[in-house]
Amino acid sequence: MRVGDSARPRASVLTQAHHDYTRLTRALSEIDKALGDEDA
């Protein structure tokens, strides 16, 4: 672990969390689309 990691500004943490959330919702929508295609 680098020394600077624990001193990261909160905004950086929020940006990373938002990026993870966006990636997660995109993956969920892809799964939802794939499941929907099977039903058709």
PDB file of N, CA and C in Angstrom:
ATOM      1  N   MET A   1       0.843  -1.201   0.000  1.00  0.00           N
ATOM      2  CA  MET A   1       0.000   0.000   0.000  1.00  0.00           C
ATOM      3  C   MET A   1       0.875   1.246   0.000  1.00  0.00           C
ATOM      4  N   ARG A   2       0.571   2.140  -0.926  1.00  0.00           N
ATOM      5  CA  ARG A   2       1.352   3.371  -1.000  1.00  0.00           C
ATOM      6  C   ARG A   2       0.943   4.324   0.113  1.00  0.00           C
ATOM      7  N   VAL A   3       1.874   5.212   0.484  1.00  0.00           N
ATOM      8  CA  VAL A   3       1.622   6.140   1.583  1.00  0.00           C
ATOM      9  C   VAL A   3       0.452   7.062   1.249  1.00  0.00           C
ATOM     10  N   GLY A   4       0.351   7.493  -0.007  1.00  0.00           N
ATOM     11  CA  GLY A   4      -0.676   8.456  -0.391  1.00  0.00           C
ATOM     12  C   GLY A   4      -2.085   7.889  -0.408  1.00  0.00           C
ATOM     13  N   ASP A   5      -2.225   6.560  -0.419  1.00  0.00           N
ATOM     14  CA  ASP A   5      -3.547   5.963  -0.543  1.00  0.00           C
ATOM     15  C   ASP A   5      -4.475   6.338   0.609  1.00  0.00           C
ATOM     16  N   SER A   6      -3.937   6.336   1.832  1.00  0.00           N
ATOM     17  CA  SER A   6      -4.783   6.631   2.983  1.00  0.00           C
ATOM     18  C   SER A   6      -5.121   8.117   3.058  1.00  0.00           C
ATOM     19  N   ALA A   7      -4.384   8.936   2.319  1.00  0.00           N
ATOM     20  CA  ALA A   7      -4.592  10.379   2.389  1.00  0.00           C
ATOM     21  C   ALA A   7      -5.358  10.911   1.173  1.00  0.00           C
ATOM     22  N   ARG A   8      -5.931   9.995   0.400  1.00  0.00           N
ATOM     23  CA  ARG A   8      -6.677  10.443  -0.780  1.00  0.00           C
ATOM     24  C   ARG A   8      -7.848  11.315  -0.375  1.00  0.00           C
ATOM     25  N   PRO A   9      -8.116  12.359  -1.143  1.00  0.00           N
ATOM     26  CA  PRO A   9      -9.272  13.205  -0.853  1.00  0.00           C
ATOM     27  C   PRO A   9     -10.569  12.423  -1.041  1.00  0.00           C
ATOM     28  N   ARG A  10     -11.598  12.825  -0.307  1.00  0.00           N
ATOM     29  CA  ARG A  10     -12.879  12.127  -0.355  1.00  0.00           C
ATOM     30  C   ARG A  10     -13.462  12.131  -1.766  1.00  0.00           C
ATOM     31  N   ALA A  11     -13.254  13.220  -2.502  1.00  0.00           N
ATOM     32  CA  ALA A  11     -13.806  13.319  -3.851  1.00  0.00           C
ATOM     33  C   ALA A  11     -13.286  12.190  -4.733  1.00  0.00           C
ATOM     34  N   SER A  12     -12.024  11.821  -4.541  1.00  0.00           N
ATOM     35  CA  SER A  12     -11.448  10.745  -5.337  1.00  0.00           C
ATOM     36  C   SER A  12     -12.140   9.425  -5.028  1.00  0.00           C
ATOM     37  N   VAL A  13     -12.443   9.206  -3.756  1.00  0.00           N
ATOM     38  CA  VAL A  13     -13.136   7.987  -3.345  1.00  0.00           C
ATOM     39  C   VAL A  13     -14.537   7.955  -3.945  1.00  0.00           C
ATOM     40  N   LEU A  14     -15.224   9.094  -3.910  1.00  0.00           N
ATOM     41  CA  LEU A  14     -16.569   9.161  -4.469  1.00  0.00           C
ATOM     42  C   LEU A  14     -16.545   8.945  -5.975  1.00  0.00           C
ATOM     43  N   THR A  15     -15.536   9.498  -6.640  1.00  0.00           N
ATOM     44  CA  THR A  15     -15.421   9.315  -8.083  1.00  0.00           C
ATOM     45  C   THR A  15     -15.222   7.841  -8.412  1.00  0.00           C
ATOM     46  N   GLN A  16     -14.389   7.168  -7.644  1.00  0.00           N
ATOM     47  CA  GLN A  16     -14.151   5.742  -7.869  1.00  0.00           C
ATOM     48  C   GLN A  16     -15.419   4.941  -7.609  1.00  0.00           C
ATOM     49  N   ALA A  17     -16.145   5.297  -6.553  1.00  0.00           N
ATOM     50  CA  ALA A  17     -17.383   4.598  -6.232  1.00  0.00           C
ATOM     51  C   ALA A  17     -18.413   4.798  -7.339  1.00  0.00           C
ATOM     52  N   HIS A  18     -18.490   6.020  -7.860  1.00  0.00           N
ATOM     53  CA  HIS A  18     -19.437   6.303  -8.941  1.00  0.00           C
ATOM     54  C   HIS A  18     -19.065   5.518 -10.186  1.00  0.00           C
ATOM     55  N   HIS A  19     -17.765   5.412 -10.464  1.00  0.00           N
ATOM     56  CA  HIS A  19     -17.296   4.651 -11.624  1.00  0.00           C
ATOM     57  C   HIS A  19     -17.669   3.176 -11.472  1.00  0.00           C
ATOM     58  N   ASP A  20     -17.479   2.630 -10.271  1.00  0.00           N
ATOM     59  CA  ASP A  20     -17.830   1.237 -10.020  1.00  0.00           C
ATOM     60  C   ASP A  20     -19.332   1.029 -10.173  1.00  0.00           C
ATOM     61  N   TYR A  21     -20.138   1.986  -9.661  1.00  0.00           N
ATOM     62  CA  TYR A  21     -21.588   1.891  -9.741  1.00  0.00           C
ATOM     63  C   TYR A  21     -22.055   1.926 -11.186  1.00  0.00           C
ATOM     64  N   THR A  22     -21.450   2.833 -11.981  1.00  0.00           N
ATOM     65  CA  THR A  22     -21.817   2.941 -13.390  1.00  0.00           C
ATOM     66  C   THR A  22     -21.505   1.646 -14.122  1.00  0.00           C
ATOM     67  N   ARG A  23     -20.327   1.079 -13.830  1.00  0.00           N
ATOM     68  CA  ARG A  23     -19.920  -0.160 -14.487  1.00  0.00           C
ATOM     69  C   ARG A  23     -20.844  -1.302 -14.077  1.00  0.00           C
ATOM     70  N   LEU A  24     -21.264  -1.316 -12.803  1.00  0.00           N
ATOM     71  CA  LEU A  24     -22.143  -2.365 -12.308  1.00  0.00           C
ATOM     72  C   LEU A  24     -23.512  -2.286 -12.968  1.00  0.00           C
ATOM     73  N   THR A  25     -24.084  -1.085 -13.036  1.00  0.00           N
ATOM     74  CA  THR A  25     -25.409  -0.935 -13.639  1.00  0.00           C
ATOM     75  C   THR A  25     -25.364  -1.278 -15.123  1.00  0.00           C
ATOM     76  N   ARG A  26     -24.249  -0.945 -15.783  1.00  0.00           N
ATOM     77  CA  ARG A  26     -24.119  -1.290 -17.205  1.00  0.00           C
ATOM     78  C   ARG A  26     -24.089  -2.805 -17.366  1.00  0.00           C
ATOM     79  N   ALA A  27     -23.369  -3.486 -16.477  1.00  0.00           N
ATOM     80  CA  ALA A  27     -23.297  -4.946 -16.543  1.00  0.00           C
ATOM     81  C   ALA A  27     -24.668  -5.560 -16.272  1.00  0.00           C
ATOM     82  N   LEU A  28     -25.391  -5.017 -15.303  1.00  0.00           N
ATOM     83  CA  LEU A  28     -26.723  -5.527 -14.993  1.00  0.00           C
ATOM     84  C   LEU A  28     -27.671  -5.343 -16.169  1.00  0.00           C
ATOM     85  N   SER A  29     -27.582  -4.205 -16.861  1.00  0.00           N
ATOM     86  CA  SER A  29     -28.459  -3.970 -18.004  1.00  0.00           C
ATOM     87  C   SER A  29     -28.115  -4.923 -19.143  1.00  0.00           C
ATOM     88  N   GLU A  30     -26.826  -5.248 -19.286  1.00  0.00           N
ATOM     89  CA  GLU A  30     -26.416  -6.211 -20.315  1.00  0.00           C
ATOM     90  C   GLU A  30     -26.978  -7.598 -19.992  1.00  0.00           C
ATOM     91  N   ILE A  31     -26.935  -7.977 -18.711  1.00  0.00           N
ATOM     92  CA  ILE A  31     -27.486  -9.265 -18.283  1.00  0.00           C
ATOM     93  C   ILE A  31     -28.996  -9.276 -18.514  1.00  0.00           C
ATOM     94  N   ASP A  32     -29.655  -8.189 -18.163  1.00  0.00           N
ATOM     95  CA  ASP A  32     -31.096  -8.082 -18.329  1.00  0.00           C
ATOM     96  C   ASP A  32     -31.464  -8.217 -19.802  1.00  0.00           C
ATOM     97  N   LYS A  33     -30.675  -7.583 -20.664  1.00  0.00           N
ATOM     98  CA  LYS A  33     -30.911  -7.640 -22.104  1.00  0.00           C
ATOM     99  C   LYS A  33     -30.736  -9.072 -22.608  1.00  0.00           C
ATOM    100  N   ALA A  34     -29.701  -9.747 -22.118  1.00  0.00           N
ATOM    101  CA  ALA A  34     -29.435 -11.121 -22.546  1.00  0.00           C
ATOM    102  C   ALA A  34     -30.559 -12.052 -22.103  1.00  0.00           C
ATOM    103  N   LEU A  35     -31.039 -11.873 -20.883  1.00  0.00           N
ATOM    104  CA  LEU A  35     -32.142 -12.695 -20.394  1.00  0.00           C
ATOM    105  C   LEU A  35     -33.410 -12.411 -21.192  1.00  0.00           C
ATOM    106  N   GLY A  36     -33.622 -11.157 -21.551  1.00  0.00           N
ATOM    107  CA  GLY A  36     -34.798 -10.785 -22.337  1.00  0.00           C
ATOM    108  C   GLY A  36     -34.754 -11.404 -23.720  1.00  0.00           C
ATOM    109  N   ASP A  37     -33.547 -11.503 -24.287  1.00  0.00           N
ATOM    110  CA  ASP A  37     -33.409 -12.093 -25.617  1.00  0.00           C
ATOM    111  C   ASP A  37     -33.751 -13.582 -25.589  1.00  0.00           C
ATOM    112  N   GLU A  38     -33.469 -14.247 -24.474  1.00  0.00           N
ATOM    113  CA  GLU A  38     -33.787 -15.669 -24.374  1.00  0.00           C
ATOM    114  C   GLU A  38     -35.295 -15.890 -24.361  1.00  0.00           C
ATOM    115  N   ASP A  39     -36.029 -14.972 -23.730  1.00  0.00           N
ATOM    116  CA  ASP A  39     -37.480 -15.117 -23.633  1.00  0.00           C
ATOM    117  C   ASP A  39     -38.148 -14.940 -24.988  1.00  0.00           C
ATOM    118  N   ALA A  40     -37.580 -14.113 -25.840  1.00  0.00           N
ATOM    119  CA  ALA A  40     -38.203 -13.802 -27.124  1.00  0.00           C
ATOM    120  C   ALA A  40     -38.208 -15.020 -28.052  1.00  0.00           C
TER     121      ALA A  40
END
